[in-house]
Amino acid sequence: MLVNGKHFAWHRAALFKAHTNLIFGPKVYRWLLISSTGEQESVYIGESVMFENRLNKHRLRFREQNVSSSLARAMADCERRGGIVELQFLDLGVDGFLLNCQPINAKSLNDHEVRLMMENISIIMAKATNLRLINKLRESAGSRAVRWIMAYADKHGAGATLEMLKSYQKTLNKRSL
C-alpha cells in the first residue's frame, strides 16, 4: 500500500485519519512478502467485512510477535532478512464485472459469499504463480474445492485451470437459462 507515493509500513507506523479511507470497509486483501532482492517470495490472502478491525488484529499480533500466528512469523522473518511486506487490495475497477449474471464490484464485497469467492480465486491465482502460500486453509466444502483446483493447476498449469473454470461457468450459465 502506497501513501503519498511511498511504501506505508502499515504494521509499524501509526494509522492516521488519511489512512483510514484506504482501509475502511469490506476488502479482499493480500500481504505480499518481498525479499531484499525484490523477489516475491510468499503471500497471505484474506477477506474481511470491516478490514480496519482485521488490520488492527494483525498489527497487534505482529507487535507481540505472536508465535501462534504464521503470518506474523513470516512477516518478521522477511523483514529480518531485509525484505518488505506490502499490503495490497483487490481492485475491481469502477464497474467490476458480471459472474453468473451477478455483479461483482466494490458494493458486492459487502456480501460474505462474494468476498470468500474472490479470496479463493486470489488464492488459486497466487498458487499458479508459485508463490508460497502462508494461509492455513480451513476444512470446508469451499476449501476442499480450492485444494482440488490447486491440485489441478499443479498438474495442468494455470492456463488450463482457468479454461476449465470458464467452461464450468458456461455450463452453469446454460443450466440457469
C-alpha atoms as a PDB file:
ATOM      1  CA  MET A   1       0.000   0.000   0.000  1.00  0.00           C
ATOM      2  CA  LEU A   2       1.447   3.319  -1.006  1.00  0.00           C
ATOM      3  CA  VAL A   3       0.722   6.551   0.862  1.00  0.00           C
ATOM      4  CA  ASN A   4       1.901   9.759  -0.785  1.00  0.00           C
ATOM      5  CA  GLY A   5       3.796   7.613  -3.291  1.00  0.00           C
ATOM      6  CA  LYS A   6       5.833   5.858  -0.585  1.00  0.00           C
ATOM      7  CA  HIS A   7       5.655   2.395   0.975  1.00  0.00           C
ATOM      8  CA  PHE A   8       3.497   2.571   4.119  1.00  0.00           C
ATOM      9  CA  ALA A   9       4.772   0.324   6.893  1.00  0.00           C
ATOM     10  CA  TRP A  10       1.195  -0.444   7.988  1.00  0.00           C
ATOM     11  CA  HIS A  11       2.277  -2.813  10.749  1.00  0.00           C
ATOM     12  CA  ARG A  12       4.728  -0.358  12.321  1.00  0.00           C
ATOM     13  CA  ALA A  13       3.501   3.186  11.629  1.00  0.00           C
ATOM     14  CA  ALA A  14       0.586   4.835  13.391  1.00  0.00           C
ATOM     15  CA  LEU A  15      -2.634   4.943  11.405  1.00  0.00           C
ATOM     16  CA  PHE A  16      -3.787   8.474  10.728  1.00  0.00           C
ATOM     17  CA  LYS A  17      -7.176   9.664   9.500  1.00  0.00           C
ATOM     18  CA  ALA A  18      -5.806   9.934   5.959  1.00  0.00           C
ATOM     19  CA  HIS A  19      -5.065   6.195   6.007  1.00  0.00           C
ATOM     20  CA  THR A  20      -8.475   5.114   7.282  1.00  0.00           C
ATOM     21  CA  ASN A  21     -10.116   5.879   3.932  1.00  0.00           C
ATOM     22  CA  LEU A  22      -7.764   3.337   2.364  1.00  0.00           C
ATOM     23  CA  ILE A  23      -8.510   0.580   4.875  1.00  0.00           C
ATOM     24  CA  PHE A  24     -12.163   1.110   5.802  1.00  0.00           C
ATOM     25  CA  GLY A  25     -14.878  -1.362   4.851  1.00  0.00           C
ATOM     26  CA  PRO A  26     -15.084  -4.751   3.149  1.00  0.00           C
ATOM     27  CA  LYS A  27     -11.874  -5.886   1.456  1.00  0.00           C
ATOM     28  CA  VAL A  28     -10.184  -8.824  -0.158  1.00  0.00           C
ATOM     29  CA  TYR A  29      -6.531  -8.265   0.633  1.00  0.00           C
ATOM     30  CA  ARG A  30      -3.106  -9.796   0.489  1.00  0.00           C
ATOM     31  CA  TRP A  31       0.196  -9.348   2.210  1.00  0.00           C
ATOM     32  CA  LEU A  32       2.978  -9.854  -0.267  1.00  0.00           C
ATOM     33  CA  LEU A  33       6.362 -10.654   1.250  1.00  0.00           C
ATOM     34  CA  ILE A  34       9.209  -9.438  -0.944  1.00  0.00           C
ATOM     35  CA  SER A  35      12.839 -10.432  -0.404  1.00  0.00           C
ATOM     36  CA  SER A  36      15.717  -7.959  -0.121  1.00  0.00           C
ATOM     37  CA  THR A  37      16.479  -8.695  -3.800  1.00  0.00           C
ATOM     38  CA  GLY A  38      12.935  -7.693  -4.845  1.00  0.00           C
ATOM     39  CA  GLU A  39      11.697 -11.243  -5.440  1.00  0.00           C
ATOM     40  CA  GLN A  40       8.110 -12.006  -4.444  1.00  0.00           C
ATOM     41  CA  GLU A  41       8.527 -14.932  -2.064  1.00  0.00           C
ATOM     42  CA  SER A  42       5.255 -15.556  -0.247  1.00  0.00           C
ATOM     43  CA  VAL A  43       1.731 -14.263   0.152  1.00  0.00           C
ATOM     44  CA  TYR A  44      -1.153 -14.274   2.610  1.00  0.00           C
ATOM     45  CA  ILE A  45      -4.640 -13.662   1.197  1.00  0.00           C
ATOM     46  CA  GLY A  46      -7.702 -12.829   3.263  1.00  0.00           C
ATOM     47  CA  GLU A  47     -11.083 -11.162   3.351  1.00  0.00           C
ATOM     48  CA  SER A  48     -12.956  -9.077   5.907  1.00  0.00           C
ATOM     49  CA  VAL A  49     -16.180  -7.102   6.088  1.00  0.00           C
ATOM     50  CA  MET A  50     -14.525  -4.495   8.350  1.00  0.00           C
ATOM     51  CA  PHE A  51     -10.909  -4.524   7.245  1.00  0.00           C
ATOM     52  CA  GLU A  52      -9.938  -1.776   9.684  1.00  0.00           C
ATOM     53  CA  ASN A  53     -10.710  -4.160  12.581  1.00  0.00           C
ATOM     54  CA  ARG A  54      -8.874  -7.071  10.929  1.00  0.00           C
ATOM     55  CA  LEU A  55      -5.866  -4.840  10.310  1.00  0.00           C
ATOM     56  CA  ASN A  56      -5.744  -3.855  13.969  1.00  0.00           C
ATOM     57  CA  LYS A  57      -5.752  -7.552  14.974  1.00  0.00           C
ATOM     58  CA  HIS A  58      -2.893  -8.290  12.582  1.00  0.00           C
ATOM     59  CA  ARG A  59      -0.965  -5.229  13.797  1.00  0.00           C
ATOM     60  CA  LEU A  60      -1.335  -6.400  17.408  1.00  0.00           C
ATOM     61  CA  ARG A  61      -0.159  -9.938  16.552  1.00  0.00           C
ATOM     62  CA  PHE A  62       2.834  -8.545  14.686  1.00  0.00           C
ATOM     63  CA  ARG A  63       3.833  -6.193  17.531  1.00  0.00           C
ATOM     64  CA  GLU A  64       3.516  -9.011  20.068  1.00  0.00           C
ATOM     65  CA  GLN A  65       5.452 -11.344  17.752  1.00  0.00           C
ATOM     66  CA  ASN A  66       2.647 -13.826  18.344  1.00  0.00           C
ATOM     67  CA  VAL A  67       4.335 -17.163  17.735  1.00  0.00           C
ATOM     68  CA  SER A  68       0.986 -18.829  17.022  1.00  0.00           C
ATOM     69  CA  SER A  69       0.473 -16.564  14.015  1.00  0.00           C
ATOM     70  CA  SER A  70       2.219 -17.975  10.945  1.00  0.00           C
ATOM     71  CA  LEU A  71       1.640 -14.640   9.193  1.00  0.00           C
ATOM     72  CA  ALA A  72       3.311 -12.599  11.968  1.00  0.00           C
ATOM     73  CA  ARG A  73       6.285 -15.004  11.978  1.00  0.00           C
ATOM     74  CA  ALA A  74       6.626 -14.852   8.191  1.00  0.00           C
ATOM     75  CA  MET A  75       6.474 -11.032   8.214  1.00  0.00           C
ATOM     76  CA  ALA A  76       9.075 -10.722  10.957  1.00  0.00           C
ATOM     77  CA  ASP A  77      11.384 -13.217   9.203  1.00  0.00           C
ATOM     78  CA  CYS A  78      11.025 -11.370   5.892  1.00  0.00           C
ATOM     79  CA  GLU A  79      11.944  -8.034   7.451  1.00  0.00           C
ATOM     80  CA  ARG A  80      14.831  -9.536   9.455  1.00  0.00           C
ATOM     81  CA  ARG A  81      16.306 -10.685   6.126  1.00  0.00           C
ATOM     82  CA  GLY A  82      15.953  -7.125   4.733  1.00  0.00           C
ATOM     83  CA  GLY A  83      12.722  -7.687   2.801  1.00  0.00           C
ATOM     84  CA  ILE A  84       9.495  -5.708   2.865  1.00  0.00           C
ATOM     85  CA  VAL A  85       5.848  -6.559   3.459  1.00  0.00           C
ATOM     86  CA  GLU A  86       3.320  -4.960   1.092  1.00  0.00           C
ATOM     87  CA  LEU A  87      -0.388  -4.700   1.814  1.00  0.00           C
ATOM     88  CA  GLN A  88      -2.474  -4.851  -1.360  1.00  0.00           C
ATOM     89  CA  PHE A  89      -6.225  -4.790  -2.007  1.00  0.00           C
ATOM     90  CA  LEU A  90      -8.268  -6.466  -4.711  1.00  0.00           C
ATOM     91  CA  ASP A  91      -9.158  -3.761  -7.232  1.00  0.00           C
ATOM     92  CA  LEU A  92     -12.417  -4.447  -9.048  1.00  0.00           C
ATOM     93  CA  GLY A  93     -12.248  -1.217 -11.027  1.00  0.00           C
ATOM     94  CA  VAL A  94     -15.117   1.207 -11.353  1.00  0.00           C
ATOM     95  CA  ASP A  95     -17.752  -1.170 -12.727  1.00  0.00           C
ATOM     96  CA  GLY A  96     -16.417  -4.584 -11.724  1.00  0.00           C
ATOM     97  CA  PHE A  97     -17.748  -7.479 -13.809  1.00  0.00           C
ATOM     98  CA  LEU A  98     -20.614  -9.969 -14.080  1.00  0.00           C
ATOM     99  CA  LEU A  99     -20.318 -13.562 -12.882  1.00  0.00           C
ATOM    100  CA  ASN A 100     -23.329 -15.830 -13.424  1.00  0.00           C
ATOM    101  CA  CYS A 101     -25.319 -12.653 -14.153  1.00  0.00           C
ATOM    102  CA  GLN A 102     -24.391 -11.252 -10.720  1.00  0.00           C
ATOM    103  CA  PRO A 103     -22.429  -8.003 -10.433  1.00  0.00           C
ATOM    104  CA  ILE A 104     -19.051  -8.340  -8.718  1.00  0.00           C
ATOM    105  CA  ASN A 105     -17.979  -4.860  -7.684  1.00  0.00           C
ATOM    106  CA  ALA A 106     -16.933  -2.807  -4.655  1.00  0.00           C
ATOM    107  CA  LYS A 107     -20.524  -2.743  -3.367  1.00  0.00           C
ATOM    108  CA  SER A 108     -20.963  -6.521  -3.684  1.00  0.00           C
ATOM    109  CA  LEU A 109     -17.949  -7.029  -1.387  1.00  0.00           C
ATOM    110  CA  ASN A 110     -20.400  -6.379   1.453  1.00  0.00           C
ATOM    111  CA  ASP A 111     -21.658  -9.931   0.760  1.00  0.00           C
ATOM    112  CA  HIS A 112     -19.605 -12.537   2.659  1.00  0.00           C
ATOM    113  CA  GLU A 113     -20.022 -15.151  -0.092  1.00  0.00           C
ATOM    114  CA  VAL A 114     -18.697 -12.738  -2.729  1.00  0.00           C
ATOM    115  CA  ARG A 115     -15.639 -11.930  -0.585  1.00  0.00           C
ATOM    116  CA  LEU A 116     -14.981 -15.648   0.005  1.00  0.00           C
ATOM    117  CA  MET A 117     -15.256 -16.369  -3.708  1.00  0.00           C
ATOM    118  CA  MET A 118     -12.852 -13.564  -4.612  1.00  0.00           C
ATOM    119  CA  GLU A 119     -10.470 -14.648  -1.825  1.00  0.00           C
ATOM    120  CA  ASN A 120     -10.476 -18.218  -3.185  1.00  0.00           C
ATOM    121  CA  ILE A 121      -9.893 -17.030  -6.754  1.00  0.00           C
ATOM    122  CA  SER A 122      -6.992 -14.903  -5.482  1.00  0.00           C
ATOM    123  CA  ILE A 123      -5.543 -17.932  -3.661  1.00  0.00           C
ATOM    124  CA  ILE A 124      -5.782 -20.009  -6.841  1.00  0.00           C
ATOM    125  CA  MET A 125      -4.046 -17.294  -8.848  1.00  0.00           C
ATOM    126  CA  ALA A 126      -1.280 -16.973  -6.230  1.00  0.00           C
ATOM    127  CA  LYS A 127      -0.760 -20.732  -6.320  1.00  0.00           C
ATOM    128  CA  ALA A 128      -0.497 -20.575 -10.117  1.00  0.00           C
ATOM    129  CA  THR A 129       2.402 -18.089  -9.794  1.00  0.00           C
ATOM    130  CA  ASN A 130       4.289 -20.453  -7.469  1.00  0.00           C
ATOM    131  CA  LEU A 131       4.240 -18.026  -4.545  1.00  0.00           C
ATOM    132  CA  ARG A 132       4.445 -19.773  -1.181  1.00  0.00           C
ATOM    133  CA  LEU A 133       1.003 -19.501   0.403  1.00  0.00           C
ATOM    134  CA  ILE A 134       1.061 -18.598   4.111  1.00  0.00           C
ATOM    135  CA  ASN A 135      -2.676 -19.187   4.571  1.00  0.00           C
ATOM    136  CA  LYS A 136      -3.882 -22.166   6.547  1.00  0.00           C
ATOM    137  CA  LEU A 137      -6.922 -23.290   4.561  1.00  0.00           C
ATOM    138  CA  ARG A 138      -9.956 -24.182   6.659  1.00  0.00           C
ATOM    139  CA  GLU A 139     -11.563 -27.538   6.045  1.00  0.00           C
ATOM    140  CA  SER A 140     -14.880 -26.870   4.363  1.00  0.00           C
ATOM    141  CA  ALA A 141     -16.541 -27.690   1.094  1.00  0.00           C
ATOM    142  CA  GLY A 142     -15.091 -24.465  -0.294  1.00  0.00           C
ATOM    143  CA  SER A 143     -11.549 -25.175   0.869  1.00  0.00           C
ATOM    144  CA  ARG A 144     -11.747 -28.748  -0.474  1.00  0.00           C
ATOM    145  CA  ALA A 145     -12.792 -27.279  -3.821  1.00  0.00           C
ATOM    146  CA  VAL A 146      -9.918 -24.783  -3.685  1.00  0.00           C
ATOM    147  CA  ARG A 147      -7.437 -27.566  -2.886  1.00  0.00           C
ATOM    148  CA  TRP A 148      -8.822 -29.643  -5.774  1.00  0.00           C
ATOM    149  CA  ILE A 149      -8.451 -26.662  -8.125  1.00  0.00           C
ATOM    150  CA  MET A 150      -4.917 -26.026  -6.818  1.00  0.00           C
ATOM    151  CA  ALA A 151      -4.010 -29.671  -7.451  1.00  0.00           C
ATOM    152  CA  TYR A 152      -5.496 -29.354 -10.954  1.00  0.00           C
ATOM    153  CA  ALA A 153      -3.387 -26.208 -11.508  1.00  0.00           C
ATOM    154  CA  ASP A 154      -0.254 -28.023 -10.292  1.00  0.00           C
ATOM    155  CA  LYS A 155      -0.885 -30.863 -12.725  1.00  0.00           C
ATOM    156  CA  HIS A 156      -2.211 -28.971 -15.780  1.00  0.00           C
ATOM    157  CA  GLY A 157      -0.975 -25.388 -15.345  1.00  0.00           C
ATOM    158  CA  ALA A 158      -2.705 -22.081 -14.648  1.00  0.00           C
ATOM    159  CA  GLY A 159      -3.941 -21.562 -18.224  1.00  0.00           C
ATOM    160  CA  ALA A 160      -5.651 -24.945 -18.408  1.00  0.00           C
ATOM    161  CA  THR A 161      -7.179 -24.374 -14.969  1.00  0.00           C
ATOM    162  CA  LEU A 162      -8.650 -21.027 -15.997  1.00  0.00           C
ATOM    163  CA  GLU A 163     -10.050 -22.577 -19.188  1.00  0.00           C
ATOM    164  CA  MET A 164     -11.609 -25.395 -17.142  1.00  0.00           C
ATOM    165  CA  LEU A 165     -13.222 -22.855 -14.774  1.00  0.00           C
ATOM    166  CA  LYS A 166     -14.535 -20.789 -17.719  1.00  0.00           C
ATOM    167  CA  SER A 167     -16.013 -23.922 -19.268  1.00  0.00           C
ATOM    168  CA  TYR A 168     -17.636 -24.826 -15.950  1.00  0.00           C
ATOM    169  CA  GLN A 169     -19.134 -21.333 -15.682  1.00  0.00           C
ATOM    170  CA  LYS A 170     -20.548 -21.591 -19.225  1.00  0.00           C
ATOM    171  CA  THR A 171     -22.165 -24.901 -18.257  1.00  0.00           C
ATOM    172  CA  LEU A 172     -23.708 -23.270 -15.178  1.00  0.00           C
ATOM    173  CA  ASN A 173     -24.954 -20.325 -17.241  1.00  0.00           C
ATOM    174  CA  LYS A 174     -26.638 -22.693 -19.738  1.00  0.00           C
ATOM    175  CA  ARG A 175     -28.335 -24.587 -16.900  1.00  0.00           C
ATOM    176  CA  SER A 176     -29.751 -21.367 -15.432  1.00  0.00           C
ATOM    177  CA  LEU A 177     -31.446 -20.395 -18.722  1.00  0.00           C
END
